[in-house]
Protein backbone atom coordinates (compact mmCIF):
# COMPACT_ATOMS: atom_id res chain seq x y z
CA MET A 1 120.95 96.19 64.92
CA ARG A 2 117.84 98.32 65.35
CA LYS A 3 115.13 99.65 63.07
CA ILE A 4 113.58 96.30 62.17
CA ALA A 5 109.96 96.51 61.07
CA TYR A 6 107.28 94.50 59.36
CA SER A 7 104.64 95.53 56.86
CA THR A 8 101.01 94.93 57.77
CA LEU A 9 100.65 93.39 54.31
CA GLY A 10 101.75 90.22 56.09
CA CYS A 11 98.96 90.28 58.70
CA PRO A 12 95.88 91.54 56.85
CA ASP A 13 93.41 90.57 59.57
CA TRP A 14 95.14 92.11 62.59
CA ASN A 15 93.74 95.14 64.37
CA TRP A 16 95.69 98.11 65.73
CA LYS A 17 96.20 96.53 69.15
CA GLN A 18 97.51 93.31 67.63
CA LEU A 19 99.95 95.21 65.40
CA ILE A 20 101.65 96.62 68.47
CA GLU A 21 101.37 93.66 70.84
CA ARG A 22 102.56 91.04 68.38
CA GLY A 23 105.17 93.30 66.87
CA THR A 24 106.83 93.84 70.24
CA GLU A 25 106.39 90.18 71.18
CA TYR A 26 108.19 89.08 67.99
CA GLY A 27 111.11 91.46 68.53
CA TYR A 28 110.32 94.23 66.07
CA ASP A 29 111.10 97.90 66.65
CA GLY A 30 108.26 99.20 64.52
CA VAL A 31 105.60 98.59 61.92
CA GLU A 32 105.05 99.83 58.37
CA ILE A 33 101.32 100.30 57.90
CA ARG A 34 99.96 99.27 54.51
CA LEU A 35 96.51 98.24 55.73
CA ILE A 36 94.57 97.42 58.86
CA GLU A 37 91.96 94.67 58.86
CA ARG A 38 92.20 94.51 55.05
CA GLU A 39 91.42 98.20 54.55
CA THR A 40 94.18 99.80 52.46
CA ASN A 41 92.78 103.34 52.67
CA LEU A 42 94.25 104.39 56.00
CA LEU A 43 92.61 107.79 55.79
CA ILE A 44 89.19 106.31 56.54
CA ARG A 45 90.26 104.02 59.38
CA PRO A 46 88.59 104.98 62.69
CA GLU A 47 91.91 104.63 64.52
CA PHE A 48 93.37 107.50 62.50
CA GLN A 49 90.64 110.09 62.72
CA ALA A 50 91.73 113.40 64.24
CA SER A 51 90.02 112.77 67.58
CA GLN A 52 91.92 109.48 68.00
CA LEU A 53 95.46 110.46 67.05
CA ALA A 54 96.53 111.42 70.58
CA ASN A 55 95.46 107.95 71.70
CA ARG A 56 97.49 106.35 68.91
CA ARG A 57 100.59 108.28 69.93
CA ALA A 58 100.05 107.19 73.52
CA ASP A 59 99.66 103.54 72.45
CA LEU A 60 103.00 103.67 70.64
CA ALA A 61 104.81 105.50 73.43
CA ASP A 62 103.54 103.08 76.08
CA ALA A 63 104.79 100.11 74.05
CA GLY A 64 108.10 101.68 73.02
CA PHE A 65 107.08 100.93 69.45
CA GLN A 66 107.10 103.03 66.28
CA VAL A 67 105.19 103.46 63.05
CA CYS A 68 108.16 103.69 60.71
CA GLY A 69 106.07 104.72 57.72
CA LEU A 70 102.77 104.64 55.87
CA ALA A 71 102.59 102.63 52.65
CA SER A 72 99.98 104.41 50.56
CA SER A 73 98.46 103.40 47.21
CA VAL A 74 99.26 106.82 45.72
CA ARG A 75 100.45 106.52 42.12
CA PHE A 76 101.57 109.13 39.62
CA ASP A 77 101.19 107.12 36.41
CA PHE A 78 97.65 108.34 35.69
CA PRO A 79 97.43 110.17 32.33
CA ASP A 80 94.17 111.85 33.37
CA GLU A 81 95.07 115.17 34.99
CA SER A 82 92.13 115.26 37.40
CA GLU A 83 93.01 111.80 38.78
CA TRP A 84 96.71 112.71 38.88
CA ARG A 85 95.89 115.79 40.98
CA ARG A 86 93.61 113.75 43.22
CA GLN A 87 96.55 111.45 43.90
CA ILE A 88 98.60 114.43 45.04
CA ASP A 89 95.80 115.49 47.40
CA VAL A 90 95.60 111.97 48.83
CA GLY A 91 99.37 111.95 49.21
CA LYS A 92 99.25 115.21 51.17
CA ALA A 93 96.69 113.71 53.55
CA TYR A 94 99.00 110.73 54.06
CA VAL A 95 101.93 113.05 54.77
CA ASP A 96 99.84 114.83 57.41
CA LEU A 97 98.86 111.51 59.01
CA ALA A 98 102.43 110.24 58.96
CA ALA A 99 103.58 113.37 60.77
CA GLU A 100 100.88 112.91 63.43
CA LEU A 101 102.07 109.34 64.04
CA GLY A 102 105.76 110.23 64.08
CA ALA A 103 106.36 108.19 60.94
CA ARG A 104 109.42 108.74 58.83
CA PHE A 105 107.92 108.38 55.35
CA VAL A 106 104.99 107.91 52.99
CA ARG A 107 105.45 105.33 50.25
CA VAL A 108 104.15 106.14 46.75
CA PHE A 109 104.39 104.50 43.33
CA GLY A 110 105.58 105.55 39.91
CA ASP A 111 104.24 102.17 38.84
CA VAL A 112 103.92 101.70 35.05
CA LEU A 113 104.72 103.51 31.81
CA PRO A 114 102.50 103.33 28.71
CA GLU A 115 102.92 99.96 26.99
CA ASN A 116 104.78 100.00 23.65
CA ALA A 117 105.08 103.78 23.82
CA ASP A 118 107.37 105.79 21.57
CA GLU A 119 110.14 107.77 23.20
CA LYS A 120 108.20 111.03 23.27
CA THR A 121 105.27 109.40 25.05
CA ARG A 122 107.61 107.60 27.44
CA GLN A 123 109.40 110.81 28.37
CA ALA A 124 106.09 112.60 28.92
CA ALA A 125 104.99 109.85 31.31
CA ILE A 126 108.27 110.02 33.24
CA ALA A 127 107.96 113.81 33.47
CA ASN A 128 104.43 113.40 34.84
CA ILE A 129 105.61 111.02 37.55
CA ALA A 130 108.57 113.22 38.41
CA GLU A 131 106.32 116.26 38.74
CA GLY A 132 104.01 114.38 41.08
CA LEU A 133 106.96 113.42 43.26
CA GLN A 134 108.25 116.99 43.23
CA LEU A 135 104.94 118.57 44.23
CA LEU A 136 104.31 116.08 47.02
CA GLY A 137 107.91 116.41 48.15
CA GLU A 138 107.59 120.19 48.34
CA TYR A 139 104.53 119.77 50.56
CA ALA A 140 106.33 117.27 52.79
CA GLU A 141 109.46 119.40 53.26
CA SER A 142 107.91 121.66 55.89
CA ILE A 143 106.06 118.84 57.67
CA GLY A 144 108.72 116.18 58.21
CA PRO A 145 108.08 112.79 56.57
CA ASP A 146 109.84 111.82 53.36
CA VAL A 147 108.05 110.83 50.17
CA ILE A 148 109.60 107.63 48.84
CA ILE A 149 108.97 105.90 45.53
CA GLU A 150 109.14 102.11 45.61
CA THR A 151 111.05 99.90 43.20
CA HIS A 152 107.81 98.35 41.97
CA GLY A 153 106.14 97.66 38.64
CA ASP A 154 108.10 99.24 35.77
CA TYR A 155 109.95 101.11 38.49
CA ALA A 156 111.55 97.89 39.66
CA ASP A 157 114.06 98.88 36.97
CA SER A 158 116.54 100.94 38.97
CA ARG A 159 117.70 102.77 35.85
CA LEU A 160 114.19 104.14 35.41
CA VAL A 161 114.09 105.21 39.05
CA ARG A 162 117.39 107.04 38.64
CA GLU A 163 116.22 108.66 35.40
CA THR A 164 113.05 109.89 37.08
CA LEU A 165 114.63 111.14 40.30
CA ALA A 166 117.24 113.06 38.34
CA ARG A 167 114.34 115.38 37.45
CA VAL A 168 113.22 115.85 41.08
CA GLU A 169 114.77 118.59 43.19
CA SER A 170 112.93 118.20 46.50
CA PRO A 171 115.21 116.84 49.25
CA ALA A 172 112.18 115.15 50.81
CA VAL A 173 111.91 112.69 47.91
CA GLY A 174 113.77 109.41 48.10
CA VAL A 175 113.55 105.70 47.32
CA LEU A 176 112.06 102.69 49.00
CA TRP A 177 114.39 99.97 47.79
CA ASP A 178 112.38 96.78 47.67
CA THR A 179 115.56 94.77 47.52
CA HIS A 180 113.84 91.77 45.94
CA HIS A 181 111.99 93.38 43.01
CA PRO A 182 114.84 94.63 40.78
CA TRP A 183 116.68 91.34 41.29
CA LYS A 184 113.63 89.16 40.60
CA PHE A 185 111.76 91.05 37.93
CA CYS A 186 114.53 92.93 36.11
CA GLY A 187 117.45 90.53 36.49
CA GLU A 188 119.60 93.14 38.23
CA THR A 189 122.38 92.28 40.63
CA VAL A 190 121.98 93.93 44.02
CA GLU A 191 125.27 95.72 43.38
CA ALA A 192 123.97 97.25 40.13
CA THR A 193 120.71 98.29 41.75
CA PHE A 194 122.40 99.92 44.70
CA ALA A 195 124.83 101.77 42.45
CA ASN A 196 121.83 103.37 40.73
CA LEU A 197 119.82 104.10 43.85
CA GLN A 198 122.29 104.79 46.66
CA PRO A 199 121.92 108.59 46.85
CA TRP A 200 118.17 108.27 47.39
CA VAL A 201 117.65 105.12 49.50
CA ARG A 202 115.64 105.96 52.65
CA HIS A 203 113.87 102.65 53.42
CA THR A 204 114.15 98.96 52.47
CA HIS A 205 111.78 96.03 51.97
CA TRP A 206 112.89 92.45 52.44
CA LYS A 207 111.46 89.22 51.09
CA ASP A 208 112.72 85.98 49.58
CA SER A 209 111.57 83.73 46.75
CA VAL A 210 112.42 80.74 44.58
CA ALA A 211 112.00 80.05 40.88
CA ARG A 212 109.19 77.58 40.23
CA SER A 213 107.30 76.44 37.16
CA ALA A 214 103.94 78.09 36.54
CA GLN A 215 101.26 76.91 38.93
CA ASP A 216 97.48 77.14 38.98
CA HIS A 217 96.00 79.18 41.81
CA ASP A 218 92.62 78.88 43.46
CA GLU A 219 89.83 81.44 43.34
CA GLN A 220 90.92 83.16 46.57
CA ALA A 221 94.41 83.68 45.18
CA ARG A 222 93.04 85.03 41.89
CA GLN A 223 90.81 87.49 43.72
CA ALA A 224 93.70 88.69 45.85
CA ALA A 225 95.84 89.21 42.75
CA GLU A 226 93.03 91.18 41.10
CA LEU A 227 92.75 93.44 44.15
CA ALA A 228 96.50 94.02 44.09
CA HIS A 229 96.35 94.98 40.42
CA SER A 230 93.46 97.36 41.05
CA LEU A 231 95.62 99.29 43.51
CA MET A 232 99.01 98.82 41.83
CA SER A 233 98.88 98.02 38.12
CA GLY A 234 102.55 97.04 38.26
CA HIS A 235 102.02 94.22 40.77
CA GLN A 236 103.86 91.04 39.73
CA HIS A 237 103.78 87.48 41.00
CA ALA A 238 106.67 85.71 42.70
CA ASP A 239 106.89 82.41 44.53
CA TYR A 240 107.68 83.70 48.00
CA VAL A 241 109.22 81.60 50.75
CA LEU A 242 110.15 82.31 54.35
CA PHE A 243 112.96 84.82 54.69
CA GLY A 244 116.35 83.15 54.32
CA GLU A 245 114.98 80.01 52.68
CA GLY A 246 115.02 81.21 49.08
CA GLU A 247 117.41 82.42 46.40
CA PHE A 248 117.66 86.16 47.06
CA PRO A 249 121.27 87.20 47.88
CA ILE A 250 120.50 88.61 51.31
CA ALA A 251 124.07 88.73 52.64
CA GLU A 252 125.38 90.64 49.63
CA CYS A 253 122.60 93.17 49.95
CA LEU A 254 123.13 93.67 53.68
CA ARG A 255 126.84 94.15 53.11
CA LEU A 256 126.19 96.98 50.66
CA LEU A 257 123.99 98.79 53.15
CA ARG A 258 126.29 98.25 56.09
CA ASP A 259 129.37 99.42 54.21
CA THR A 260 127.64 102.67 53.25
CA GLU A 261 126.25 103.26 56.78
CA TYR A 262 122.61 103.10 55.72
CA ASP A 263 120.50 104.29 58.69
CA GLY A 264 116.98 103.47 57.52
CA TRP A 265 114.60 100.68 58.41
CA TYR A 266 114.69 97.02 57.40
CA SER A 267 111.07 96.03 56.82
CA LEU A 268 109.80 92.51 56.17
CA GLU A 269 107.15 92.60 53.46
CA TRP A 270 105.40 89.24 53.64
CA GLU A 271 102.74 89.57 50.93
CA LYS A 272 100.01 87.56 52.65
CA MET A 273 97.30 90.02 51.55
CA TRP A 274 98.08 89.50 47.87
CA HIS A 275 99.13 85.84 48.20
CA PRO A 276 96.69 84.12 50.59
CA GLU A 277 98.41 80.79 49.99
CA LEU A 278 101.42 82.01 51.99
CA ASP A 279 102.01 80.98 55.59
CA ASP A 280 100.09 82.87 58.26
CA PRO A 281 101.77 85.81 60.00
CA GLU A 282 102.17 83.83 63.21
CA ILE A 283 104.58 81.60 61.27
CA ALA A 284 106.25 84.06 58.90
CA LEU A 285 106.81 87.12 61.09
CA PRO A 286 108.46 85.85 64.31
CA PRO A 287 111.71 84.51 62.74
CA PHE A 288 112.62 87.65 60.78
CA PRO A 289 114.30 89.89 63.39
CA GLU A 290 116.65 87.19 64.67
CA LYS A 291 117.36 85.86 61.17
CA LEU A 292 118.16 89.33 59.87
CA ARG A 293 120.52 90.01 62.76
CA GLU A 294 122.29 86.69 62.19
CA LEU A 295 122.76 87.46 58.50
CA TRP A 296 123.92 90.98 59.32
CA GLU A 297 126.63 89.63 61.61
CA SER A 298 127.76 87.05 59.04
CA ALA A 299 127.76 89.46 56.10
CA GLY A 300 131.19 90.85 56.93
């Protein structure tokens, strides 16, 4: 089993060199870049300026390692047209950067719909998100990377994802199936989610959690949650545990993907950046590749 990656959300303090060295040491095939050294705006990172991109490609080639995708903060749920258009411009810059790094995709959000909206307002919001996906997808078509919307926020509801993507014609637009979110936050079975999303699934996120009673969190955890909400208004809390030690039906999910010959990446998203109380990356990241392969073999 190849195409195993990890998101840099799980190692917020690592630099570029560490991403590659530790990723290869731990048995990963690639990395999904959400942030580097806690900076989520990859467009301003010195490593990714135009003069440095040839060096980045050389770093990856020398290590036999890949950037599978870039996880942007681009969202299309802004009602303000000027901000909505700015998000498209930012998305285009991410598509350009992804192509330079040989990455397969750029992640974006639909995120949230207006609260307590009537049906007309709801449909207008969905149309706005679909149009953003279509325009960015059209730009990406001639460049290479896909534009994928994550099952996140209100869009953890796979029915809403399907409803939105039914309005999008660009073949470059697909879905990042965060396998945990629809199950945890919308009460969906993995079978129901996959039935809604299968035609569009290009990438997957993996995490595990348990149900616990409400707990108080310290100031560091509250600040991290506030930062997450500032970037993604649909961010929700879960009590995450090491992969394979929680309640998420991993084997059932893997079986669905294997039986339909899914050929995308399997990316561990350990949310250390948003949940500082979680174990450090040196603990959480090394077991994932071997554990995933074991579960893949036993899922038959």
